[in-house]
Amino acid sequence: MESSEHCVAVWNRMKRMRQIQMWKLCEGMTKAETELLHVMCYLSKKNPDIPVSQLPQVCCMQTSAISRLMKKMEADGLIVRKVDPNCRRNTLVSVTEAGAEQCRRNWEEIQDFWERVLARTPEEHIDQMLCLWDEIMDNMETVIDELSQDK
């Protein structure tokens, strides 16, 4: 296979993986809600009060989309929003106990999915894939850095 064919093959496999809709395992939530809740649960481990202004960059979503999602998630009892007592112009968001429980259930569903998938794959193939994926990701980061410096 030529280099250009490898590029297309890698791209197509990445695209195919993105098309596998694992978020459907997360009962009653859209993909965006699942991702946003997961990010907020992760961030809340460091600080339970998350500045809303931090979310667009971390989630790679538009502020307006995050606002719509948070409105629904707040109505569902997964999060609460409040004014930042240190700066009244800022809003903080916290994951409720119900939100944390939903995040745990989502994670259990996804973990069960991966365990089923990986149980069908020989362990040495998994180890090889992880090593190769790490190498490719390291190379991607290096090339992005190089290209960014060139601009």
C-alpha atoms as a PDB file:
ATOM      1  CA  MET A   1       0.000   0.000   0.000  1.00  0.00           C
ATOM      2  CA  GLU A   2       1.290   3.473  -0.855  1.00  0.00           C
ATOM      3  CA  SER A   3       1.479   6.298   1.637  1.00  0.00           C
ATOM      4  CA  SER A   4      -1.595   8.047   0.222  1.00  0.00           C
ATOM      5  CA  GLU A   5      -3.537   4.772   0.432  1.00  0.00           C
ATOM      6  CA  HIS A   6      -2.486   4.423   4.067  1.00  0.00           C
ATOM      7  CA  CYS A   7      -3.750   7.943   4.765  1.00  0.00           C
ATOM      8  CA  VAL A   8      -7.141   7.124   3.270  1.00  0.00           C
ATOM      9  CA  ALA A   9      -7.292   3.765   5.074  1.00  0.00           C
ATOM     10  CA  VAL A  10      -6.489   5.340   8.462  1.00  0.00           C
ATOM     11  CA  TRP A  11      -8.987   8.144   7.879  1.00  0.00           C
ATOM     12  CA  ASN A  12     -11.722   5.682   6.893  1.00  0.00           C
ATOM     13  CA  ARG A  13     -11.140   3.541   9.964  1.00  0.00           C
ATOM     14  CA  MET A  14     -11.241   6.563  12.251  1.00  0.00           C
ATOM     15  CA  LYS A  15     -14.455   7.671  10.559  1.00  0.00           C
ATOM     16  CA  ARG A  16     -15.950   4.198  10.950  1.00  0.00           C
ATOM     17  CA  MET A  17     -15.106   4.171  14.665  1.00  0.00           C
ATOM     18  CA  ARG A  18     -16.732   7.593  15.157  1.00  0.00           C
ATOM     19  CA  GLN A  19     -19.866   6.240  13.476  1.00  0.00           C
ATOM     20  CA  ILE A  20     -20.262   3.492  16.081  1.00  0.00           C
ATOM     21  CA  GLN A  21     -22.843   5.064  18.334  1.00  0.00           C
ATOM     22  CA  MET A  22     -21.766   3.896  21.786  1.00  0.00           C
ATOM     23  CA  TRP A  23     -23.654   6.794  23.351  1.00  0.00           C
ATOM     24  CA  LYS A  24     -26.866   4.910  22.543  1.00  0.00           C
ATOM     25  CA  LEU A  25     -25.925   2.634  25.431  1.00  0.00           C
ATOM     26  CA  CYS A  26     -26.492   5.585  27.769  1.00  0.00           C
ATOM     27  CA  GLU A  27     -30.179   5.377  28.517  1.00  0.00           C
ATOM     28  CA  GLY A  28     -32.314   8.413  27.733  1.00  0.00           C
ATOM     29  CA  MET A  29     -29.496  10.774  26.782  1.00  0.00           C
ATOM     30  CA  THR A  30     -28.308  12.235  23.513  1.00  0.00           C
ATOM     31  CA  LYS A  31     -24.685  11.989  22.433  1.00  0.00           C
ATOM     32  CA  ALA A  32     -24.062  15.638  23.311  1.00  0.00           C
ATOM     33  CA  GLU A  33     -25.691  15.306  26.748  1.00  0.00           C
ATOM     34  CA  THR A  34     -23.674  12.164  27.465  1.00  0.00           C
ATOM     35  CA  GLU A  35     -20.409  13.845  26.466  1.00  0.00           C
ATOM     36  CA  LEU A  36     -21.135  17.046  28.388  1.00  0.00           C
ATOM     37  CA  LEU A  37     -22.136  15.164  31.537  1.00  0.00           C
ATOM     38  CA  HIS A  38     -19.008  12.999  31.300  1.00  0.00           C
ATOM     39  CA  VAL A  39     -16.789  16.090  30.974  1.00  0.00           C
ATOM     40  CA  MET A  40     -18.523  17.805  33.893  1.00  0.00           C
ATOM     41  CA  CYS A  41     -18.198  14.694  36.096  1.00  0.00           C
ATOM     42  CA  TYR A  42     -14.500  14.521  35.243  1.00  0.00           C
ATOM     43  CA  LEU A  43     -13.929  18.226  35.940  1.00  0.00           C
ATOM     44  CA  SER A  44     -15.946  18.103  39.164  1.00  0.00           C
ATOM     45  CA  LYS A  45     -13.373  15.714  40.662  1.00  0.00           C
ATOM     46  CA  LYS A  46     -10.970  18.663  40.855  1.00  0.00           C
ATOM     47  CA  ASN A  47     -13.569  21.306  41.730  1.00  0.00           C
ATOM     48  CA  PRO A  48     -17.299  20.667  42.205  1.00  0.00           C
ATOM     49  CA  ASP A  49     -18.140  24.182  40.942  1.00  0.00           C
ATOM     50  CA  ILE A  50     -17.189  24.350  37.265  1.00  0.00           C
ATOM     51  CA  PRO A  51     -17.072  27.722  35.483  1.00  0.00           C
ATOM     52  CA  VAL A  52     -19.473  27.496  32.538  1.00  0.00           C
ATOM     53  CA  SER A  53     -17.006  29.564  30.495  1.00  0.00           C
ATOM     54  CA  GLN A  54     -14.551  26.642  30.695  1.00  0.00           C
ATOM     55  CA  LEU A  55     -16.890  24.145  29.006  1.00  0.00           C
ATOM     56  CA  PRO A  56     -16.881  25.259  25.330  1.00  0.00           C
ATOM     57  CA  GLN A  57     -13.128  24.829  25.024  1.00  0.00           C
ATOM     58  CA  VAL A  58     -13.005  21.536  26.939  1.00  0.00           C
ATOM     59  CA  CYS A  59     -16.036  20.056  25.133  1.00  0.00           C
ATOM     60  CA  CYS A  60     -15.281  21.530  21.707  1.00  0.00           C
ATOM     61  CA  MET A  61     -18.868  22.803  21.517  1.00  0.00           C
ATOM     62  CA  GLN A  62     -20.456  26.161  20.851  1.00  0.00           C
ATOM     63  CA  THR A  63     -21.495  28.154  23.936  1.00  0.00           C
ATOM     64  CA  SER A  64     -25.083  28.283  22.665  1.00  0.00           C
ATOM     65  CA  ALA A  65     -25.197  24.483  22.314  1.00  0.00           C
ATOM     66  CA  ILE A  66     -23.851  24.026  25.821  1.00  0.00           C
ATOM     67  CA  SER A  67     -26.452  26.464  27.167  1.00  0.00           C
ATOM     68  CA  ARG A  68     -29.278  24.487  25.524  1.00  0.00           C
ATOM     69  CA  LEU A  69     -27.915  21.197  26.829  1.00  0.00           C
ATOM     70  CA  MET A  70     -27.477  22.565  30.340  1.00  0.00           C
ATOM     71  CA  LYS A  71     -31.053  23.875  30.359  1.00  0.00           C
ATOM     72  CA  LYS A  72     -32.357  20.364  29.649  1.00  0.00           C
ATOM     73  CA  MET A  73     -29.893  18.699  32.006  1.00  0.00           C
ATOM     74  CA  GLU A  74     -30.880  21.116  34.771  1.00  0.00           C
ATOM     75  CA  ALA A  75     -34.572  20.347  34.157  1.00  0.00           C
ATOM     76  CA  ASP A  76     -33.696  16.629  34.360  1.00  0.00           C
ATOM     77  CA  GLY A  77     -31.992  17.206  37.723  1.00  0.00           C
ATOM     78  CA  LEU A  78     -28.517  16.225  36.504  1.00  0.00           C
ATOM     79  CA  ILE A  79     -26.846  19.584  37.151  1.00  0.00           C
ATOM     80  CA  VAL A  80     -27.437  22.878  38.974  1.00  0.00           C
ATOM     81  CA  ARG A  81     -26.277  26.311  37.910  1.00  0.00           C
ATOM     82  CA  LYS A  82     -25.519  29.206  40.215  1.00  0.00           C
ATOM     83  CA  VAL A  83     -23.935  32.622  40.142  1.00  0.00           C
ATOM     84  CA  ASP A  84     -20.242  32.697  41.063  1.00  0.00           C
ATOM     85  CA  PRO A  85     -20.087  34.417  44.477  1.00  0.00           C
ATOM     86  CA  ASN A  86     -16.608  35.795  43.627  1.00  0.00           C
ATOM     87  CA  CYS A  87     -17.693  37.374  40.344  1.00  0.00           C
ATOM     88  CA  ARG A  88     -21.417  37.761  39.745  1.00  0.00           C
ATOM     89  CA  ARG A  89     -20.921  37.912  35.967  1.00  0.00           C
ATOM     90  CA  ASN A  90     -19.808  34.269  35.932  1.00  0.00           C
ATOM     91  CA  THR A  91     -21.948  31.167  36.235  1.00  0.00           C
ATOM     92  CA  LEU A  92     -20.874  27.963  37.914  1.00  0.00           C
ATOM     93  CA  VAL A  93     -22.314  24.524  37.238  1.00  0.00           C
ATOM     94  CA  SER A  94     -22.270  21.497  39.526  1.00  0.00           C
ATOM     95  CA  VAL A  95     -23.197  17.888  38.916  1.00  0.00           C
ATOM     96  CA  THR A  96     -25.983  16.714  41.219  1.00  0.00           C
ATOM     97  CA  GLU A  97     -25.992  13.309  42.898  1.00  0.00           C
ATOM     98  CA  ALA A  98     -28.485  12.188  40.223  1.00  0.00           C
ATOM     99  CA  GLY A  99     -26.076  13.445  37.542  1.00  0.00           C
ATOM    100  CA  ALA A 100     -23.146  11.626  39.136  1.00  0.00           C
ATOM    101  CA  GLU A 101     -25.242   8.442  39.327  1.00  0.00           C
ATOM    102  CA  GLN A 102     -26.223   8.799  35.651  1.00  0.00           C
ATOM    103  CA  CYS A 103     -22.545   9.259  34.772  1.00  0.00           C
ATOM    104  CA  ARG A 104     -21.657   6.084  36.720  1.00  0.00           C
ATOM    105  CA  ARG A 105     -24.384   4.115  34.930  1.00  0.00           C
ATOM    106  CA  ASN A 106     -23.212   5.449  31.562  1.00  0.00           C
ATOM    107  CA  TRP A 107     -19.640   4.458  32.345  1.00  0.00           C
ATOM    108  CA  GLU A 108     -20.724   0.962  33.424  1.00  0.00           C
ATOM    109  CA  GLU A 109     -22.623   0.497  30.145  1.00  0.00           C
ATOM    110  CA  ILE A 110     -19.656   1.649  28.071  1.00  0.00           C
ATOM    111  CA  GLN A 111     -17.221  -0.450  30.106  1.00  0.00           C
ATOM    112  CA  ASP A 112     -19.461  -3.508  29.629  1.00  0.00           C
ATOM    113  CA  PHE A 113     -19.551  -2.793  25.885  1.00  0.00           C
ATOM    114  CA  TRP A 114     -15.743  -2.634  25.658  1.00  0.00           C
ATOM    115  CA  GLU A 115     -15.327  -5.767  27.757  1.00  0.00           C
ATOM    116  CA  ARG A 116     -17.597  -7.639  25.344  1.00  0.00           C
ATOM    117  CA  VAL A 117     -15.731  -6.268  22.322  1.00  0.00           C
ATOM    118  CA  LEU A 118     -12.283  -6.998  23.727  1.00  0.00           C
ATOM    119  CA  ALA A 119     -13.294 -10.490  24.885  1.00  0.00           C
ATOM    120  CA  ARG A 120     -13.578 -11.355  21.181  1.00  0.00           C
ATOM    121  CA  THR A 121     -10.065 -10.098  20.453  1.00  0.00           C
ATOM    122  CA  PRO A 122      -6.857 -11.969  21.370  1.00  0.00           C
ATOM    123  CA  GLU A 123      -4.965 -10.227  24.179  1.00  0.00           C
ATOM    124  CA  GLU A 124      -1.762  -9.941  22.129  1.00  0.00           C
ATOM    125  CA  HIS A 125      -3.719  -8.077  19.416  1.00  0.00           C
ATOM    126  CA  ILE A 126      -5.067  -5.665  22.024  1.00  0.00           C
ATOM    127  CA  ASP A 127      -1.543  -5.065  23.372  1.00  0.00           C
ATOM    128  CA  GLN A 128      -0.213  -4.478  19.842  1.00  0.00           C
ATOM    129  CA  MET A 129      -3.080  -2.119  19.037  1.00  0.00           C
ATOM    130  CA  LEU A 130      -2.485  -0.076  22.192  1.00  0.00           C
ATOM    131  CA  CYS A 131       1.235   0.244  21.462  1.00  0.00           C
ATOM    132  CA  LEU A 132       0.594   1.242  17.863  1.00  0.00           C
ATOM    133  CA  TRP A 133      -2.161   3.666  18.819  1.00  0.00           C
ATOM    134  CA  ASP A 134       0.143   5.347  21.378  1.00  0.00           C
ATOM    135  CA  GLU A 135       2.844   5.655  18.724  1.00  0.00           C
ATOM    136  CA  ILE A 136       0.417   7.136  16.199  1.00  0.00           C
ATOM    137  CA  MET A 137      -1.012   9.597  18.751  1.00  0.00           C
ATOM    138  CA  ASP A 138       2.505  10.687  19.767  1.00  0.00           C
ATOM    139  CA  ASN A 139       3.334  11.223  16.090  1.00  0.00           C
ATOM    140  CA  MET A 140       0.111  13.178  15.552  1.00  0.00           C
ATOM    141  CA  GLU A 141       0.910  15.482  18.481  1.00  0.00           C
ATOM    142  CA  THR A 142       4.468  16.006  17.237  1.00  0.00           C
ATOM    143  CA  VAL A 143       3.347  16.849  13.687  1.00  0.00           C
ATOM    144  CA  ILE A 144       0.613  19.214  14.973  1.00  0.00           C
ATOM    145  CA  ASP A 145       3.247  21.001  17.082  1.00  0.00           C
ATOM    146  CA  GLU A 146       5.598  21.254  14.105  1.00  0.00           C
ATOM    147  CA  LEU A 147       2.865  22.557  11.804  1.00  0.00           C
ATOM    148  CA  SER A 148       1.723  25.069  14.417  1.00  0.00           C
ATOM    149  CA  GLN A 149       5.272  26.413  14.769  1.00  0.00           C
ATOM    150  CA  ASP A 150       5.555  26.794  11.003  1.00  0.00           C
ATOM    151  CA  LYS A 151       2.558  29.157  10.915  1.00  0.00           C
END
